[in-house]
C-alpha atoms as a PDB file:
ATOM      1  CA  MET A   1       0.000   0.000   0.000  1.00  0.00           C
ATOM      2  CA  THR A   2       2.827   2.375   0.703  1.00  0.00           C
ATOM      3  CA  GLY A   3       4.216   2.090  -2.870  1.00  0.00           C
ATOM      4  CA  GLN A   4       0.776   2.744  -4.366  1.00  0.00           C
ATOM      5  CA  PHE A   5       0.283   5.724  -2.048  1.00  0.00           C
ATOM      6  CA  ARG A   6       3.639   7.205  -3.094  1.00  0.00           C
ATOM      7  CA  THR A   7       2.799   6.719  -6.791  1.00  0.00           C
ATOM      8  CA  ALA A   8      -0.651   8.283  -6.366  1.00  0.00           C
ATOM      9  CA  SER A   9       0.816  11.100  -4.287  1.00  0.00           C
ATOM     10  CA  ARG A  10       3.552  11.720  -6.871  1.00  0.00           C
ATOM     11  CA  ARG A  11       0.964  11.729  -9.680  1.00  0.00           C
ATOM     12  CA  ALA A  12      -1.168  14.204  -7.738  1.00  0.00           C
ATOM     13  CA  ARG A  13       1.827  16.503  -7.216  1.00  0.00           C
ATOM     14  CA  VAL A  14       2.832  16.307 -10.888  1.00  0.00           C
ATOM     15  CA  ALA A  15      -0.775  17.028 -11.907  1.00  0.00           C
ATOM     16  CA  ALA A  16      -0.976  19.950  -9.489  1.00  0.00           C
ATOM     17  CA  ILE A  17       2.298  21.382 -10.811  1.00  0.00           C
ATOM     18  CA  ALA A  18       1.077  20.965 -14.412  1.00  0.00           C
ATOM     19  CA  VAL A  19      -2.209  22.712 -13.617  1.00  0.00           C
ATOM     20  CA  ALA A  20      -0.343  25.524 -11.874  1.00  0.00           C
ATOM     21  CA  ALA A  21       2.058  25.906 -14.812  1.00  0.00           C
ATOM     22  CA  ILE A  22      -0.794  25.992 -17.340  1.00  0.00           C
ATOM     23  CA  SER A  23      -2.668  28.511 -15.203  1.00  0.00           C
ATOM     24  CA  LEU A  24       0.436  30.695 -14.947  1.00  0.00           C
ATOM     25  CA  VAL A  25       0.965  30.626 -18.724  1.00  0.00           C
ATOM     26  CA  ALA A  26      -2.703  31.443 -19.378  1.00  0.00           C
ATOM     27  CA  PHE A  27      -2.622  34.259 -16.831  1.00  0.00           C
ATOM     28  CA  SER A  28       0.604  35.680 -18.299  1.00  0.00           C
ATOM     29  CA  ALA A  29      -0.842  35.598 -21.817  1.00  0.00           C
ATOM     30  CA  GLY A  30      -3.931  37.438 -20.638  1.00  0.00           C
ATOM     31  CA  CYS A  31      -1.804  40.104 -18.945  1.00  0.00           C
ATOM     32  CA  ALA A  32       0.351  40.574 -22.027  1.00  0.00           C
ATOM     33  CA  GLN A  33      -2.696  41.374 -24.147  1.00  0.00           C
ATOM     34  CA  GLN A  34      -4.268  43.751 -21.650  1.00  0.00           C
ATOM     35  CA  ASP A  35      -4.559  47.373 -22.732  1.00  0.00           C
ATOM     36  CA  PRO A  36      -2.304  49.606 -20.585  1.00  0.00           C
ATOM     37  CA  ALA A  37      -5.167  52.087 -20.305  1.00  0.00           C
ATOM     38  CA  ASP A  38      -7.146  49.380 -18.518  1.00  0.00           C
ATOM     39  CA  ASP A  39      -4.402  49.135 -15.890  1.00  0.00           C
ATOM     40  CA  ALA A  40      -4.993  52.689 -14.756  1.00  0.00           C
ATOM     41  CA  ALA A  41      -8.735  52.144 -14.533  1.00  0.00           C
ATOM     42  CA  ALA A  42      -8.375  48.857 -12.675  1.00  0.00           C
ATOM     43  CA  SER A  43      -5.578  49.791 -10.289  1.00  0.00           C
ATOM     44  CA  SER A  44      -6.230  50.474  -6.663  1.00  0.00           C
ATOM     45  CA  THR A  45      -4.271  52.485  -4.147  1.00  0.00           C
ATOM     46  CA  VAL A  46      -3.426  51.496  -0.606  1.00  0.00           C
ATOM     47  CA  ALA A  47      -2.855  54.307   1.877  1.00  0.00           C
ATOM     48  CA  VAL A  48       0.340  54.021   3.890  1.00  0.00           C
ATOM     49  CA  PRO A  49       0.315  55.866   7.218  1.00  0.00           C
ATOM     50  CA  GLY A  50       2.721  58.808   7.152  1.00  0.00           C
ATOM     51  CA  ALA A  51       3.107  58.708   3.343  1.00  0.00           C
ATOM     52  CA  PRO A  52       1.895  61.575   1.175  1.00  0.00           C
ATOM     53  CA  ALA A  53      -1.576  61.088  -0.255  1.00  0.00           C
ATOM     54  CA  PRO A  54      -1.541  59.610  -3.759  1.00  0.00           C
ATOM     55  CA  THR A  55      -2.620  61.904  -6.565  1.00  0.00           C
ATOM     56  CA  THR A  56      -4.585  61.015  -9.649  1.00  0.00           C
ATOM     57  CA  THR A  57      -3.933  62.777 -12.918  1.00  0.00           C
ATOM     58  CA  THR A  58      -6.563  63.011 -15.576  1.00  0.00           C
ATOM     59  CA  PRO A  59      -5.362  63.498 -19.138  1.00  0.00           C
ATOM     60  CA  ALA A  60      -6.209  66.972 -20.395  1.00  0.00           C
ATOM     61  CA  PRO A  61      -8.665  67.163 -23.245  1.00  0.00           C
ATOM     62  CA  ASP A  62      -7.283  68.047 -26.655  1.00  0.00           C
ATOM     63  CA  PRO A  63      -6.841  71.805 -26.735  1.00  0.00           C
ATOM     64  CA  VAL A  64      -9.082  73.569 -29.243  1.00  0.00           C
ATOM     65  CA  THR A  65      -8.481  77.033 -30.665  1.00  0.00           C
ATOM     66  CA  THR A  66     -11.623  78.792 -31.893  1.00  0.00           C
ATOM     67  CA  ILE A  67     -11.758  81.202 -34.821  1.00  0.00           C
ATOM     68  CA  ASP A  68     -14.932  83.236 -35.283  1.00  0.00           C
ATOM     69  CA  VAL A  69     -16.258  83.655 -38.805  1.00  0.00           C
ATOM     70  CA  SER A  70     -18.268  86.862 -38.535  1.00  0.00           C
ATOM     71  CA  ASP A  71     -18.284  90.497 -39.679  1.00  0.00           C
ATOM     72  CA  MET A  72     -16.768  89.365 -42.997  1.00  0.00           C
ATOM     73  CA  LYS A  73     -13.496  88.253 -41.346  1.00  0.00           C
ATOM     74  CA  PHE A  74     -11.748  85.469 -39.482  1.00  0.00           C
ATOM     75  CA  SER A  75     -11.040  86.460 -35.901  1.00  0.00           C
ATOM     76  CA  PRO A  76      -8.318  86.048 -34.878  1.00  0.00           C
ATOM     77  CA  GLN A  77      -6.808  86.213 -38.361  1.00  0.00           C
ATOM     78  CA  SER A  78      -3.640  84.363 -37.302  1.00  0.00           C
ATOM     79  CA  VAL A  79      -3.198  81.719 -34.609  1.00  0.00           C
ATOM     80  CA  THR A  80      -0.219  79.690 -33.405  1.00  0.00           C
ATOM     81  CA  ILE A  81      -0.826  76.196 -32.062  1.00  0.00           C
ATOM     82  CA  GLU A  82       1.152  73.060 -31.268  1.00  0.00           C
ATOM     83  CA  ALA A  83       1.100  69.958 -33.447  1.00  0.00           C
ATOM     84  CA  GLY A  84      -1.820  67.738 -32.486  1.00  0.00           C
ATOM     85  CA  GLN A  85      -4.114  70.618 -31.579  1.00  0.00           C
ATOM     86  CA  THR A  86      -7.455  71.371 -33.216  1.00  0.00           C
ATOM     87  CA  VAL A  87      -8.735  74.583 -34.752  1.00  0.00           C
ATOM     88  CA  ARG A  88     -12.489  75.128 -34.798  1.00  0.00           C
ATOM     89  CA  TRP A  89     -14.124  77.759 -36.997  1.00  0.00           C
ATOM     90  CA  GLU A  90     -17.501  78.951 -35.695  1.00  0.00           C
ATOM     91  CA  PHE A  91     -19.726  80.404 -38.432  1.00  0.00           C
ATOM     92  CA  ASP A  92     -22.211  83.138 -37.429  1.00  0.00           C
ATOM     93  CA  ASP A  93     -22.282  86.156 -39.730  1.00  0.00           C
ATOM     94  CA  ASP A  94     -25.934  87.251 -39.744  1.00  0.00           C
ATOM     95  CA  GLY A  95     -26.923  84.712 -42.387  1.00  0.00           C
ATOM     96  CA  LYS A  96     -23.987  85.348 -44.750  1.00  0.00           C
ATOM     97  CA  ALA A  97     -22.480  82.186 -46.196  1.00  0.00           C
ATOM     98  CA  HIS A  98     -18.739  81.499 -45.853  1.00  0.00           C
ATOM     99  CA  ASN A  99     -16.316  78.612 -46.038  1.00  0.00           C
ATOM    100  CA  VAL A 100     -12.724  77.863 -45.107  1.00  0.00           C
ATOM    101  CA  THR A 101     -10.440  76.711 -47.925  1.00  0.00           C
ATOM    102  CA  GLY A 102      -6.708  76.108 -47.659  1.00  0.00           C
ATOM    103  CA  LEU A 103      -4.454  77.699 -50.256  1.00  0.00           C
ATOM    104  CA  ARG A 104      -2.328  75.510 -52.547  1.00  0.00           C
ATOM    105  CA  ASP A 105      -2.185  71.882 -51.439  1.00  0.00           C
ATOM    106  CA  ILE A 106      -3.450  72.903 -47.991  1.00  0.00           C
ATOM    107  CA  GLY A 107      -6.917  72.705 -49.570  1.00  0.00           C
ATOM    108  CA  LEU A 108      -6.623  68.965 -49.043  1.00  0.00           C
ATOM    109  CA  ILE A 109      -6.453  69.561 -45.284  1.00  0.00           C
ATOM    110  CA  ILE A 110      -8.684  72.635 -44.824  1.00  0.00           C
ATOM    111  CA  ASN A 111     -11.839  72.449 -46.919  1.00  0.00           C
ATOM    112  CA  SER A 112     -15.123  73.232 -45.194  1.00  0.00           C
ATOM    113  CA  PRO A 113     -18.516  73.263 -46.860  1.00  0.00           C
ATOM    114  CA  ILE A 114     -20.233  76.593 -47.434  1.00  0.00           C
ATOM    115  CA  MET A 115     -21.970  77.409 -44.151  1.00  0.00           C
ATOM    116  CA  LYS A 116     -24.144  80.164 -42.706  1.00  0.00           C
ATOM    117  CA  GLU A 117     -23.852  78.834 -39.157  1.00  0.00           C
ATOM    118  CA  GLY A 118     -22.272  75.922 -37.363  1.00  0.00           C
ATOM    119  CA  GLU A 119     -18.748  74.653 -36.788  1.00  0.00           C
ATOM    120  CA  TYR A 120     -15.924  73.159 -38.810  1.00  0.00           C
ATOM    121  CA  SER A 121     -12.791  71.656 -37.196  1.00  0.00           C
ATOM    122  CA  VAL A 122      -9.389  70.431 -38.331  1.00  0.00           C
ATOM    123  CA  THR A 123      -6.671  68.795 -36.223  1.00  0.00           C
ATOM    124  CA  PHE A 124      -3.172  69.777 -37.328  1.00  0.00           C
ATOM    125  CA  ASP A 125      -0.626  67.011 -36.800  1.00  0.00           C
ATOM    126  CA  LYS A 126       2.342  68.406 -38.752  1.00  0.00           C
ATOM    127  CA  PRO A 127       4.249  71.634 -38.080  1.00  0.00           C
ATOM    128  CA  GLY A 128       4.028  74.293 -40.760  1.00  0.00           C
ATOM    129  CA  THR A 129       2.199  77.402 -41.908  1.00  0.00           C
ATOM    130  CA  TYR A 130      -1.332  76.909 -43.213  1.00  0.00           C
ATOM    131  CA  ASP A 131      -2.863  79.825 -45.130  1.00  0.00           C
ATOM    132  CA  TYR A 132      -6.582  79.815 -45.893  1.00  0.00           C
ATOM    133  CA  ILE A 133      -9.341  82.010 -47.328  1.00  0.00           C
ATOM    134  CA  CYS A 134     -13.100  82.141 -47.703  1.00  0.00           C
ATOM    135  CA  ALA A 135     -13.558  81.105 -51.333  1.00  0.00           C
ATOM    136  CA  LEU A 136     -16.701  83.274 -51.547  1.00  0.00           C
ATOM    137  CA  HIS A 137     -15.003  86.368 -50.096  1.00  0.00           C
ATOM    138  CA  GLN A 138     -11.312  86.148 -50.953  1.00  0.00           C
ATOM    139  CA  GLU A 139     -10.501  89.258 -48.904  1.00  0.00           C
ATOM    140  CA  MET A 140     -11.182  87.051 -45.857  1.00  0.00           C
ATOM    141  CA  THR A 141      -7.808  85.438 -45.134  1.00  0.00           C
ATOM    142  CA  GLY A 142      -6.247  83.615 -42.227  1.00  0.00           C
ATOM    143  CA  THR A 143      -3.111  81.780 -41.153  1.00  0.00           C
ATOM    144  CA  ILE A 144      -2.485  78.893 -38.782  1.00  0.00           C
ATOM    145  CA  ILE A 145       1.065  78.359 -37.594  1.00  0.00           C
ATOM    146  CA  VAL A 146       1.680  74.865 -36.215  1.00  0.00           C
ATOM    147  CA  GLU A 147       4.823  74.437 -34.105  1.00  0.00           C
END
């Protein structure tokens, strides 16, 4: 009986080790595929007596620069932003129709529909100078400088 007990006990230990190893591999694979953003949402903080209180930082929303389209002009006429920021044109010129059209190849980036009211936005990812006009009123000009 002692030999059978040792064999059964050894088999049980080998099986337990195999199950533990498989569980560890499955757990590790699941952790490797987890989105890092989920870590922040799922993490918890433990207060330690005498330690400074933990702080939580919330990512700032994408900055938006607004340009008013009114009084037959873009206001401000020139803006400077950082790469990755968004410019929003707000149309409200007492019922007059306008648009925003980039000059030269910038027309591929800045090209709003003709609007009497509403908003049009573009996010600028690459540094450079972006000149634009209202195609209906070419005296209306503007410039966006992206650093």
